[in-house]
Protein backbone atom coordinates (compact mmCIF):
# COMPACT_ATOMS: atom_id res chain seq x y z
CA MET A 1 -60.62 243.73 53.62
CA ASN A 2 -57.31 242.72 55.02
CA PRO A 3 -54.42 243.47 52.56
CA ILE A 4 -52.42 240.49 53.99
CA SER A 5 -53.70 237.06 52.84
CA ALA A 6 -53.41 234.21 55.25
CA ALA A 7 -51.33 232.25 52.64
CA ALA A 8 -48.64 234.98 52.72
CA VAL A 9 -48.10 235.10 56.68
CA LEU A 10 -45.77 232.91 58.11
CA LEU A 11 -43.99 232.94 61.51
CA LEU A 12 -40.57 231.86 61.14
CA GLY A 13 -38.08 230.70 63.70
CA VAL A 14 -34.53 229.65 64.12
CA THR A 15 -34.17 226.78 66.77
CA ALA A 16 -30.72 225.54 68.09
CA ALA A 17 -29.40 222.99 70.23
CA SER A 18 -27.68 225.03 73.04
CA ALA A 19 -27.69 225.36 76.76
CA GLN A 20 -26.41 227.74 79.52
CA SER A 21 -24.18 226.52 82.06
CA LEU A 22 -24.39 227.93 85.73
CA ASP A 23 -21.79 225.52 87.01
CA ASP A 24 -19.13 228.04 87.02
CA LEU A 25 -21.15 230.96 88.08
CA LYS A 26 -18.72 233.39 89.84
CA SER A 27 -18.68 236.85 91.03
CA ASP A 28 -15.77 239.06 91.20
CA GLY A 29 -17.00 240.88 94.18
CA ARG A 30 -17.87 244.10 92.43
CA ASN A 31 -21.06 243.27 90.78
CA THR A 32 -22.76 240.89 93.06
CA ASP A 33 -26.38 241.65 91.85
CA HIS A 34 -25.76 240.75 88.37
CA ILE A 35 -26.56 236.96 88.33
CA HIS A 36 -26.22 236.74 84.64
CA MET A 37 -22.42 237.29 84.91
CA TYR A 38 -20.28 234.32 83.46
CA ILE A 39 -22.98 232.37 82.08
CA GLU A 40 -22.08 230.56 78.81
CA ASN A 41 -24.10 229.61 75.65
CA LEU A 42 -22.68 226.07 75.17
CA PRO A 43 -23.56 223.58 72.54
CA MET A 44 -25.69 220.56 73.94
CA PRO A 45 -24.61 217.11 73.15
CA ARG A 46 -26.14 215.80 70.08
CA ALA A 47 -25.77 212.73 67.71
CA ALA A 48 -23.31 213.05 65.00
CA ALA A 49 -26.06 212.82 62.06
CA SER A 50 -28.65 214.77 63.95
CA PRO A 51 -29.20 218.64 63.12
CA ILE A 52 -28.12 221.33 65.31
CA GLY A 53 -31.10 223.26 64.81
CA HIS A 54 -33.86 224.02 62.42
CA ILE A 55 -35.68 227.12 60.36
CA ASP A 56 -39.36 226.40 61.16
CA ALA A 57 -42.37 228.12 59.32
CA ILE A 58 -45.47 228.01 61.20
CA ASP A 59 -48.96 229.67 60.16
CA PRO A 60 -49.63 232.11 62.94
CA LEU A 61 -53.36 231.89 62.23
CA THR A 62 -53.79 228.16 62.81
CA GLY A 63 -50.45 227.20 64.51
CA GLU A 64 -49.87 224.78 61.73
CA LYS A 65 -46.32 223.73 60.92
CA LYS A 66 -45.72 224.59 57.27
CA TRP A 67 -42.20 223.35 56.86
CA ARG A 68 -38.94 222.63 58.69
CA VAL A 69 -35.34 222.85 57.29
CA PRO A 70 -32.66 221.21 59.29
CA LEU A 71 -29.30 223.02 59.95
CA THR A 72 -26.65 220.37 59.69
CA ASP A 73 -23.34 222.44 60.18
CA LEU A 74 -23.62 225.65 62.39
CA GLN A 75 -26.61 227.44 63.83
CA ILE A 76 -27.91 230.58 62.17
CA TRP A 77 -27.26 233.86 64.21
CA SER A 78 -28.69 235.84 61.42
CA ALA A 79 -32.41 236.73 61.61
CA THR A 80 -34.84 235.91 58.83
CA LEU A 81 -36.60 238.20 56.62
CA SER A 82 -39.80 237.34 54.48
CA THR A 83 -40.71 239.21 51.40
CA GLY A 84 -44.38 239.48 49.98
CA GLY A 85 -43.04 237.97 46.86
CA GLY A 86 -42.74 234.46 48.81
CA LEU A 87 -38.97 234.67 49.76
CA VAL A 88 -37.27 234.10 52.96
CA PHE A 89 -33.78 235.55 53.36
CA THR A 90 -31.19 234.47 55.96
CA GLY A 91 -27.50 234.20 56.29
CA LYS A 92 -25.10 231.56 57.68
CA GLU A 93 -21.86 232.03 59.79
CA THR A 94 -19.96 230.55 56.89
CA GLY A 95 -20.90 233.42 54.75
CA GLU A 96 -23.80 232.10 52.53
CA PHE A 97 -26.54 234.50 52.08
CA ILE A 98 -29.50 232.30 51.06
CA ALA A 99 -33.14 232.74 49.87
CA LEU A 100 -35.73 229.96 50.72
CA ASP A 101 -39.23 229.42 48.95
CA ALA A 102 -41.59 230.63 51.83
CA ASP A 103 -44.10 227.88 50.70
CA THR A 104 -41.83 224.83 50.89
CA GLY A 105 -38.54 226.01 52.68
CA ALA A 106 -36.55 224.82 49.48
CA GLN A 107 -33.50 226.75 49.14
CA LEU A 108 -33.82 228.91 45.73
CA TRP A 109 -30.59 230.79 45.76
CA GLN A 110 -27.28 231.39 47.63
CA PHE A 111 -24.27 233.81 47.45
CA GLN A 112 -20.93 233.66 49.32
CA THR A 113 -20.37 237.14 50.98
CA GLY A 114 -16.76 236.17 52.03
CA SER A 115 -17.46 236.38 55.88
CA GLY A 116 -19.98 235.04 58.30
CA ILE A 117 -23.50 236.72 58.43
CA ASN A 118 -24.91 237.38 61.96
CA ALA A 119 -27.05 240.48 60.91
CA GLN A 120 -30.72 241.17 60.18
CA PRO A 121 -31.58 241.19 56.40
CA VAL A 122 -33.31 244.31 55.35
CA THR A 123 -35.51 245.10 52.41
CA TYR A 124 -36.40 248.26 50.59
CA THR A 125 -37.84 249.78 47.53
CA HIS A 126 -36.20 252.27 45.21
CA LYS A 127 -37.73 253.60 41.91
CA GLY A 128 -40.13 250.64 41.90
CA ARG A 129 -37.29 247.86 42.26
CA GLN A 130 -37.11 245.91 45.58
CA TYR A 131 -33.48 245.42 47.02
CA VAL A 132 -32.37 243.20 50.10
CA SER A 133 -29.16 244.24 52.06
CA VAL A 134 -27.21 242.42 54.52
CA LEU A 135 -24.03 243.01 56.50
CA SER A 136 -21.29 240.34 56.48
CA GLY A 137 -18.54 240.22 58.80
CA ILE A 138 -18.15 237.38 61.43
CA GLY A 139 -17.50 238.22 64.97
CA GLY A 140 -19.29 238.27 68.43
CA LEU A 141 -20.11 235.60 71.02
CA TYR A 142 -20.71 232.69 68.48
CA TRP A 143 -17.38 233.20 66.74
CA ASN A 144 -15.59 233.24 70.06
CA ILE A 145 -17.04 230.03 71.28
CA ASN A 146 -16.63 228.33 67.80
CA ARG A 147 -13.35 229.64 66.50
CA GLU A 148 -12.07 226.00 65.80
CA ALA A 149 -15.25 225.33 63.57
CA LEU A 150 -15.14 228.78 61.96
CA LYS A 151 -11.23 229.02 61.54
CA ASN A 152 -11.48 229.22 57.57
CA VAL A 153 -14.16 232.02 57.55
CA PRO A 154 -12.42 235.23 57.22
CA GLN A 155 -13.04 238.15 59.33
CA GLY A 156 -14.09 241.45 57.76
CA GLY A 157 -17.04 243.69 57.23
CA SER A 158 -19.00 244.36 54.17
CA VAL A 159 -22.52 245.48 52.99
CA TRP A 160 -24.32 243.41 50.13
CA THR A 161 -27.17 244.63 48.39
CA PHE A 162 -29.40 242.46 45.88
CA ALA A 163 -31.85 243.52 43.46
CA LEU A 164 -34.86 241.17 43.33
CA MET A 165 -36.05 240.01 39.95
CA PRO A 166 -39.30 241.58 38.74
CA ASP A 167 -42.32 239.27 38.49
């Protein structure tokens, strides 16, 4: 017997409208074999009302799309974490750590961490209680290319841990 039921398995993906520009590919003469030098991850043009990307849930056994949540402000650089209890956790660059319903994609909960989240959430059990932890602290490539959009998000670093409610 397979301990994981087909209903509990989802393949989650975060898509974003972005592109790479090779127009200004240059070499400084020292590393001519590294063709990836100076390639930028640039936003693609999009209509004002269209989403910048999506969180998609796909049944990996059938390939059927289960749900899609549009991202309307900034793309997500945090990974997603799904639990056996039907929750999906991820974080936003604006600092919200969110929980989605794994069956519908509906947002069930959010917490403002005070800085952007671009880390992988993790889960563990201690003394029979399940916890979810995530790092908060904006920085990296996305912050560098979107400083204007993220100018009101404080930099900083912290670890947040949340206890999940028992069934």
